[in-house]
Amino acid sequence: QLQLVQSGGGLVQPGGSLRLSCAASTGSFEFSRMGWYRRSSGKRRELVSSIGSDGSTYYVQSVKGRVTITSDDDRNIIDLQMTNLKPEDTNVYYCNRIPDEDKLWGQGTQVTVSL
């Protein structure tokens, strides 16, 4: 059964950078579009960025210009390069397909931006 494993989070100071990675346990995502999400109000998750098999990308306005999503087809990894991080980026980040599937939510990876 496919599982998505997120890694790369950590504690950084404002203005710092982190690279988040999402790997598929089976070695293949098998989806046409993948995304990175983070928690929003209540238990809802906000789509932060996504990438399609055609290379098209999406970024939520709050991260535009600071975040880059890439897909490494050889390694079957979706990376989220985050730069110029702000305290409001503090959150748990998850990857999932677009549209998301409940069974694919993993534990996520914690990003904390603080002095």
N, C-alpha and C. Protein backbone atom coordinates (compact mmCIF):
# COMPACT_ATOMS: atom_id res chain seq x y z
N GLN A 1 0.85 -1.18 0.00
CA GLN A 1 0.00 0.00 0.00
C GLN A 1 0.89 1.24 0.00
N LEU A 2 0.52 2.19 -0.84
CA LEU A 2 1.31 3.41 -0.98
C LEU A 2 1.25 4.24 0.30
N GLN A 3 2.40 4.68 0.73
CA GLN A 3 2.50 5.64 1.82
C GLN A 3 3.41 6.78 1.38
N LEU A 4 3.09 7.97 1.85
CA LEU A 4 3.91 9.14 1.54
C LEU A 4 4.69 9.52 2.78
N VAL A 5 5.99 9.71 2.62
CA VAL A 5 6.86 10.01 3.75
C VAL A 5 7.46 11.39 3.56
N GLN A 6 7.18 12.27 4.53
CA GLN A 6 7.68 13.63 4.47
C GLN A 6 8.90 13.78 5.37
N SER A 7 9.85 14.58 4.93
CA SER A 7 11.05 14.82 5.73
C SER A 7 11.61 16.19 5.41
N GLY A 8 12.58 16.62 6.21
CA GLY A 8 13.30 17.84 5.91
C GLY A 8 12.93 19.05 6.75
N GLY A 9 11.93 18.91 7.61
CA GLY A 9 11.57 20.04 8.44
C GLY A 9 12.61 20.33 9.50
N GLY A 10 12.39 21.39 10.25
CA GLY A 10 13.32 21.72 11.32
C GLY A 10 13.06 23.10 11.87
N LEU A 11 14.00 23.55 12.68
CA LEU A 11 13.92 24.87 13.29
C LEU A 11 14.90 25.80 12.58
N VAL A 12 14.40 26.90 12.09
CA VAL A 12 15.25 27.88 11.44
C VAL A 12 14.88 29.27 11.91
N GLN A 13 15.81 30.19 11.75
CA GLN A 13 15.54 31.58 12.08
C GLN A 13 14.82 32.25 10.93
N PRO A 14 14.11 33.31 11.20
CA PRO A 14 13.48 34.06 10.11
C PRO A 14 14.51 34.42 9.05
N GLY A 15 14.12 34.24 7.80
CA GLY A 15 15.04 34.47 6.69
C GLY A 15 15.79 33.24 6.27
N GLY A 16 15.68 32.18 7.03
CA GLY A 16 16.38 30.94 6.72
C GLY A 16 15.68 30.12 5.65
N SER A 17 16.28 28.96 5.35
CA SER A 17 15.77 28.10 4.29
C SER A 17 15.66 26.66 4.77
N LEU A 18 14.74 25.96 4.16
CA LEU A 18 14.58 24.52 4.41
C LEU A 18 14.16 23.86 3.11
N ARG A 19 14.52 22.59 3.00
CA ARG A 19 14.08 21.80 1.85
C ARG A 19 13.30 20.61 2.37
N LEU A 20 12.02 20.57 2.02
CA LEU A 20 11.16 19.46 2.40
C LEU A 20 11.11 18.45 1.27
N SER A 21 11.05 17.17 1.64
CA SER A 21 10.99 16.12 0.63
C SER A 21 9.81 15.19 0.91
N CYS A 22 9.21 14.73 -0.15
CA CYS A 22 8.11 13.77 -0.07
C CYS A 22 8.47 12.58 -0.94
N ALA A 23 8.50 11.40 -0.32
CA ALA A 23 8.85 10.19 -1.05
C ALA A 23 7.70 9.19 -0.99
N ALA A 24 7.56 8.42 -2.04
CA ALA A 24 6.53 7.39 -2.10
C ALA A 24 7.13 6.05 -1.69
N SER A 25 6.45 5.36 -0.76
CA SER A 25 6.98 4.10 -0.25
C SER A 25 7.11 3.03 -1.32
N THR A 26 6.26 3.13 -2.33
CA THR A 26 6.30 2.13 -3.39
C THR A 26 7.28 2.51 -4.50
N GLY A 27 7.87 3.69 -4.38
CA GLY A 27 8.81 4.12 -5.40
C GLY A 27 8.18 4.89 -6.54
N SER A 28 6.87 5.06 -6.50
CA SER A 28 6.20 5.78 -7.57
C SER A 28 4.96 6.47 -7.02
N PHE A 29 4.76 7.74 -7.41
CA PHE A 29 3.60 8.46 -6.93
C PHE A 29 2.32 8.04 -7.64
N GLU A 30 2.42 7.72 -8.89
CA GLU A 30 1.28 7.22 -9.66
C GLU A 30 0.15 8.23 -9.80
N PHE A 31 0.39 9.49 -9.52
CA PHE A 31 -0.65 10.50 -9.65
C PHE A 31 -0.20 11.57 -10.62
N SER A 32 -1.15 12.22 -11.24
CA SER A 32 -0.79 13.24 -12.22
C SER A 32 -0.40 14.56 -11.55
N ARG A 33 -0.84 14.75 -10.31
CA ARG A 33 -0.51 15.99 -9.62
C ARG A 33 -0.32 15.73 -8.14
N MET A 34 0.74 16.32 -7.58
CA MET A 34 1.05 16.17 -6.17
C MET A 34 1.16 17.54 -5.54
N GLY A 35 0.86 17.59 -4.25
CA GLY A 35 0.91 18.89 -3.58
C GLY A 35 1.49 18.82 -2.19
N TRP A 36 1.91 19.98 -1.72
CA TRP A 36 2.32 20.17 -0.33
C TRP A 36 1.23 20.98 0.36
N TYR A 37 0.85 20.55 1.54
CA TYR A 37 -0.20 21.18 2.31
C TYR A 37 0.33 21.56 3.69
N ARG A 38 -0.40 22.41 4.37
CA ARG A 38 -0.11 22.71 5.77
C ARG A 38 -1.45 22.98 6.46
N ARG A 39 -1.42 22.89 7.75
CA ARG A 39 -2.68 23.06 8.50
C ARG A 39 -3.15 24.49 8.39
N SER A 40 -4.44 24.65 8.28
CA SER A 40 -5.07 25.95 8.25
C SER A 40 -5.99 26.04 9.45
N SER A 41 -7.06 26.80 9.36
CA SER A 41 -7.96 26.94 10.50
C SER A 41 -8.58 25.61 10.87
N GLY A 42 -8.65 25.34 12.14
CA GLY A 42 -9.21 24.07 12.60
C GLY A 42 -8.38 22.90 12.12
N LYS A 43 -8.99 21.90 11.56
CA LYS A 43 -8.29 20.71 11.09
C LYS A 43 -8.11 20.73 9.58
N ARG A 44 -8.57 21.81 8.94
CA ARG A 44 -8.43 21.85 7.49
C ARG A 44 -6.97 22.03 7.10
N ARG A 45 -6.62 21.56 5.94
CA ARG A 45 -5.27 21.74 5.42
C ARG A 45 -5.32 22.65 4.20
N GLU A 46 -4.37 23.55 4.15
CA GLU A 46 -4.27 24.50 3.05
C GLU A 46 -3.27 24.00 2.03
N LEU A 47 -3.63 24.08 0.77
CA LEU A 47 -2.69 23.71 -0.28
C LEU A 47 -1.67 24.83 -0.43
N VAL A 48 -0.42 24.51 -0.23
CA VAL A 48 0.66 25.49 -0.32
C VAL A 48 1.21 25.55 -1.73
N SER A 49 1.41 24.40 -2.32
CA SER A 49 2.01 24.33 -3.65
C SER A 49 1.69 22.97 -4.27
N SER A 50 1.67 22.93 -5.59
CA SER A 50 1.46 21.66 -6.27
C SER A 50 2.25 21.64 -7.57
N ILE A 51 2.46 20.42 -8.05
CA ILE A 51 3.16 20.24 -9.32
C ILE A 51 2.50 19.11 -10.08
N GLY A 52 2.33 19.31 -11.38
CA GLY A 52 1.73 18.29 -12.20
C GLY A 52 2.76 17.51 -12.99
N SER A 53 2.34 16.42 -13.57
CA SER A 53 3.24 15.60 -14.38
C SER A 53 3.68 16.36 -15.63
N ASP A 54 2.92 17.42 -15.96
CA ASP A 54 3.29 18.25 -17.10
C ASP A 54 4.24 19.37 -16.70
N GLY A 55 4.59 19.40 -15.42
CA GLY A 55 5.53 20.42 -14.94
C GLY A 55 4.88 21.69 -14.47
N SER A 56 3.57 21.79 -14.62
CA SER A 56 2.88 23.01 -14.18
C SER A 56 2.90 23.11 -12.66
N THR A 57 2.99 24.30 -12.15
CA THR A 57 3.09 24.50 -10.70
C THR A 57 2.04 25.50 -10.22
N TYR A 58 1.78 25.40 -8.94
CA TYR A 58 0.87 26.34 -8.27
C TYR A 58 1.49 26.71 -6.94
N TYR A 59 1.32 27.97 -6.53
CA TYR A 59 1.77 28.44 -5.22
C TYR A 59 0.68 29.30 -4.61
N VAL A 60 0.40 29.10 -3.35
CA VAL A 60 -0.52 29.99 -2.66
C VAL A 60 0.16 31.36 -2.56
N GLN A 61 -0.62 32.39 -2.56
CA GLN A 61 -0.08 33.75 -2.63
C GLN A 61 0.93 34.03 -1.53
N SER A 62 0.70 33.52 -0.35
CA SER A 62 1.56 33.85 0.79
C SER A 62 2.98 33.31 0.67
N VAL A 63 3.21 32.38 -0.24
CA VAL A 63 4.56 31.82 -0.39
C VAL A 63 5.19 32.12 -1.75
N LYS A 64 4.45 32.75 -2.62
CA LYS A 64 4.97 33.05 -3.96
C LYS A 64 6.27 33.83 -3.88
N GLY A 65 7.24 33.40 -4.66
CA GLY A 65 8.53 34.06 -4.67
C GLY A 65 9.48 33.54 -3.62
N ARG A 66 9.00 32.73 -2.69
CA ARG A 66 9.84 32.21 -1.61
C ARG A 66 9.94 30.69 -1.63
N VAL A 67 9.08 30.05 -2.38
CA VAL A 67 8.99 28.60 -2.36
C VAL A 67 9.04 28.06 -3.78
N THR A 68 9.74 26.96 -3.96
CA THR A 68 9.82 26.31 -5.26
C THR A 68 9.56 24.82 -5.09
N ILE A 69 8.62 24.32 -5.88
CA ILE A 69 8.31 22.89 -5.85
C ILE A 69 8.93 22.23 -7.07
N THR A 70 9.55 21.08 -6.85
CA THR A 70 10.16 20.35 -7.95
C THR A 70 9.86 18.87 -7.81
N SER A 71 9.92 18.20 -8.95
CA SER A 71 9.68 16.76 -8.99
C SER A 71 10.90 16.08 -9.57
N ASP A 72 11.48 15.15 -8.82
CA ASP A 72 12.61 14.38 -9.30
C ASP A 72 12.08 13.01 -9.71
N ASP A 73 11.85 12.84 -11.00
CA ASP A 73 11.24 11.60 -11.47
C ASP A 73 12.16 10.39 -11.29
N ASP A 74 13.47 10.60 -11.33
CA ASP A 74 14.41 9.49 -11.16
C ASP A 74 14.37 8.97 -9.74
N ARG A 75 14.25 9.88 -8.78
CA ARG A 75 14.26 9.50 -7.37
C ARG A 75 12.85 9.38 -6.81
N ASN A 76 11.82 9.76 -7.63
CA ASN A 76 10.43 9.73 -7.18
C ASN A 76 10.27 10.52 -5.88
N ILE A 77 10.74 11.75 -5.91
CA ILE A 77 10.65 12.64 -4.76
C ILE A 77 10.10 13.98 -5.21
N ILE A 78 9.20 14.51 -4.40
CA ILE A 78 8.69 15.86 -4.62
C ILE A 78 9.34 16.74 -3.55
N ASP A 79 10.09 17.74 -3.97
CA ASP A 79 10.76 18.63 -3.03
C ASP A 79 10.06 19.98 -2.96
N LEU A 80 10.13 20.58 -1.79
CA LEU A 80 9.62 21.94 -1.60
C LEU A 80 10.76 22.75 -1.00
N GLN A 81 11.38 23.57 -1.81
CA GLN A 81 12.45 24.43 -1.35
C GLN A 81 11.85 25.71 -0.80
N MET A 82 12.08 25.96 0.47
CA MET A 82 11.50 27.13 1.13
C MET A 82 12.62 28.09 1.52
N THR A 83 12.52 29.32 1.09
CA THR A 83 13.52 30.33 1.41
C THR A 83 12.85 31.53 2.07
N ASN A 84 13.69 32.39 2.64
CA ASN A 84 13.20 33.59 3.30
C ASN A 84 12.00 33.26 4.20
N LEU A 85 12.19 32.24 5.01
CA LEU A 85 11.09 31.77 5.84
C LEU A 85 10.68 32.81 6.87
N LYS A 86 9.39 32.84 7.16
CA LYS A 86 8.81 33.79 8.10
C LYS A 86 8.17 33.03 9.26
N PRO A 87 8.03 33.67 10.40
CA PRO A 87 7.39 32.99 11.54
C PRO A 87 6.02 32.42 11.19
N GLU A 88 5.29 33.10 10.32
CA GLU A 88 3.97 32.61 9.94
C GLU A 88 4.01 31.36 9.07
N ASP A 89 5.19 30.95 8.62
CA ASP A 89 5.33 29.69 7.90
C ASP A 89 5.40 28.51 8.86
N THR A 90 5.53 28.78 10.14
CA THR A 90 5.57 27.70 11.13
C THR A 90 4.32 26.86 11.03
N ASN A 91 4.52 25.55 10.84
CA ASN A 91 3.38 24.67 10.63
C ASN A 91 3.90 23.25 10.42
N VAL A 92 3.00 22.32 10.33
CA VAL A 92 3.34 20.96 9.91
C VAL A 92 2.99 20.85 8.44
N TYR A 93 3.93 20.39 7.64
CA TYR A 93 3.74 20.32 6.20
C TYR A 93 3.58 18.86 5.79
N TYR A 94 2.59 18.66 4.91
CA TYR A 94 2.25 17.32 4.44
C TYR A 94 2.26 17.30 2.91
N CYS A 95 2.50 16.14 2.36
CA CYS A 95 2.30 15.99 0.92
C CYS A 95 1.14 15.01 0.70
N ASN A 96 0.48 15.18 -0.41
CA ASN A 96 -0.64 14.32 -0.79
C ASN A 96 -0.90 14.57 -2.27
N ARG A 97 -1.73 13.73 -2.81
CA ARG A 97 -2.09 13.92 -4.20
C ARG A 97 -3.06 15.10 -4.30
N ILE A 98 -3.35 15.48 -5.56
CA ILE A 98 -4.38 16.45 -5.87
C ILE A 98 -5.45 15.73 -6.67
N PRO A 99 -6.68 15.64 -6.25
CA PRO A 99 -7.18 16.01 -4.93
C PRO A 99 -6.67 15.05 -3.86
N ASP A 100 -6.68 15.52 -2.63
CA ASP A 100 -6.08 14.73 -1.57
C ASP A 100 -6.92 13.48 -1.26
N GLU A 101 -6.22 12.50 -0.71
CA GLU A 101 -6.87 11.25 -0.28
C GLU A 101 -6.62 11.08 1.21
N ASP A 102 -7.66 10.79 1.95
CA ASP A 102 -7.53 10.65 3.41
C ASP A 102 -6.47 9.63 3.79
N LYS A 103 -6.43 8.52 3.07
CA LYS A 103 -5.53 7.43 3.45
C LYS A 103 -4.06 7.76 3.20
N LEU A 104 -3.81 8.85 2.49
CA LEU A 104 -2.42 9.19 2.18
C LEU A 104 -1.81 10.23 3.13
N TRP A 105 -2.64 10.77 4.03
CA TRP A 105 -2.07 11.74 4.97
C TRP A 105 -1.08 11.03 5.90
N GLY A 106 0.11 11.53 5.94
CA GLY A 106 1.12 10.98 6.83
C GLY A 106 1.26 11.87 8.06
N GLN A 107 2.39 11.75 8.74
CA GLN A 107 2.61 12.53 9.94
C GLN A 107 3.10 13.93 9.63
N GLY A 108 3.53 14.15 8.42
CA GLY A 108 4.01 15.46 8.05
C GLY A 108 5.40 15.73 8.61
N THR A 109 5.87 16.92 8.31
CA THR A 109 7.17 17.33 8.83
C THR A 109 7.05 18.75 9.39
N GLN A 110 7.56 18.95 10.60
CA GLN A 110 7.39 20.21 11.30
C GLN A 110 8.39 21.25 10.82
N VAL A 111 7.87 22.42 10.50
CA VAL A 111 8.71 23.57 10.17
C VAL A 111 8.45 24.63 11.25
N THR A 112 9.51 25.04 11.91
CA THR A 112 9.40 26.07 12.94
C THR A 112 10.35 27.19 12.60
N VAL A 113 9.78 28.40 12.48
CA VAL A 113 10.58 29.57 12.16
C VAL A 113 10.55 30.50 13.37
N SER A 114 11.69 30.61 14.01
CA SER A 114 11.74 31.37 15.26
C SER A 114 13.17 31.79 15.56
N LEU A 115 13.30 32.89 16.31
CA LEU A 115 14.63 33.33 16.72
C LEU A 115 15.18 32.40 17.79
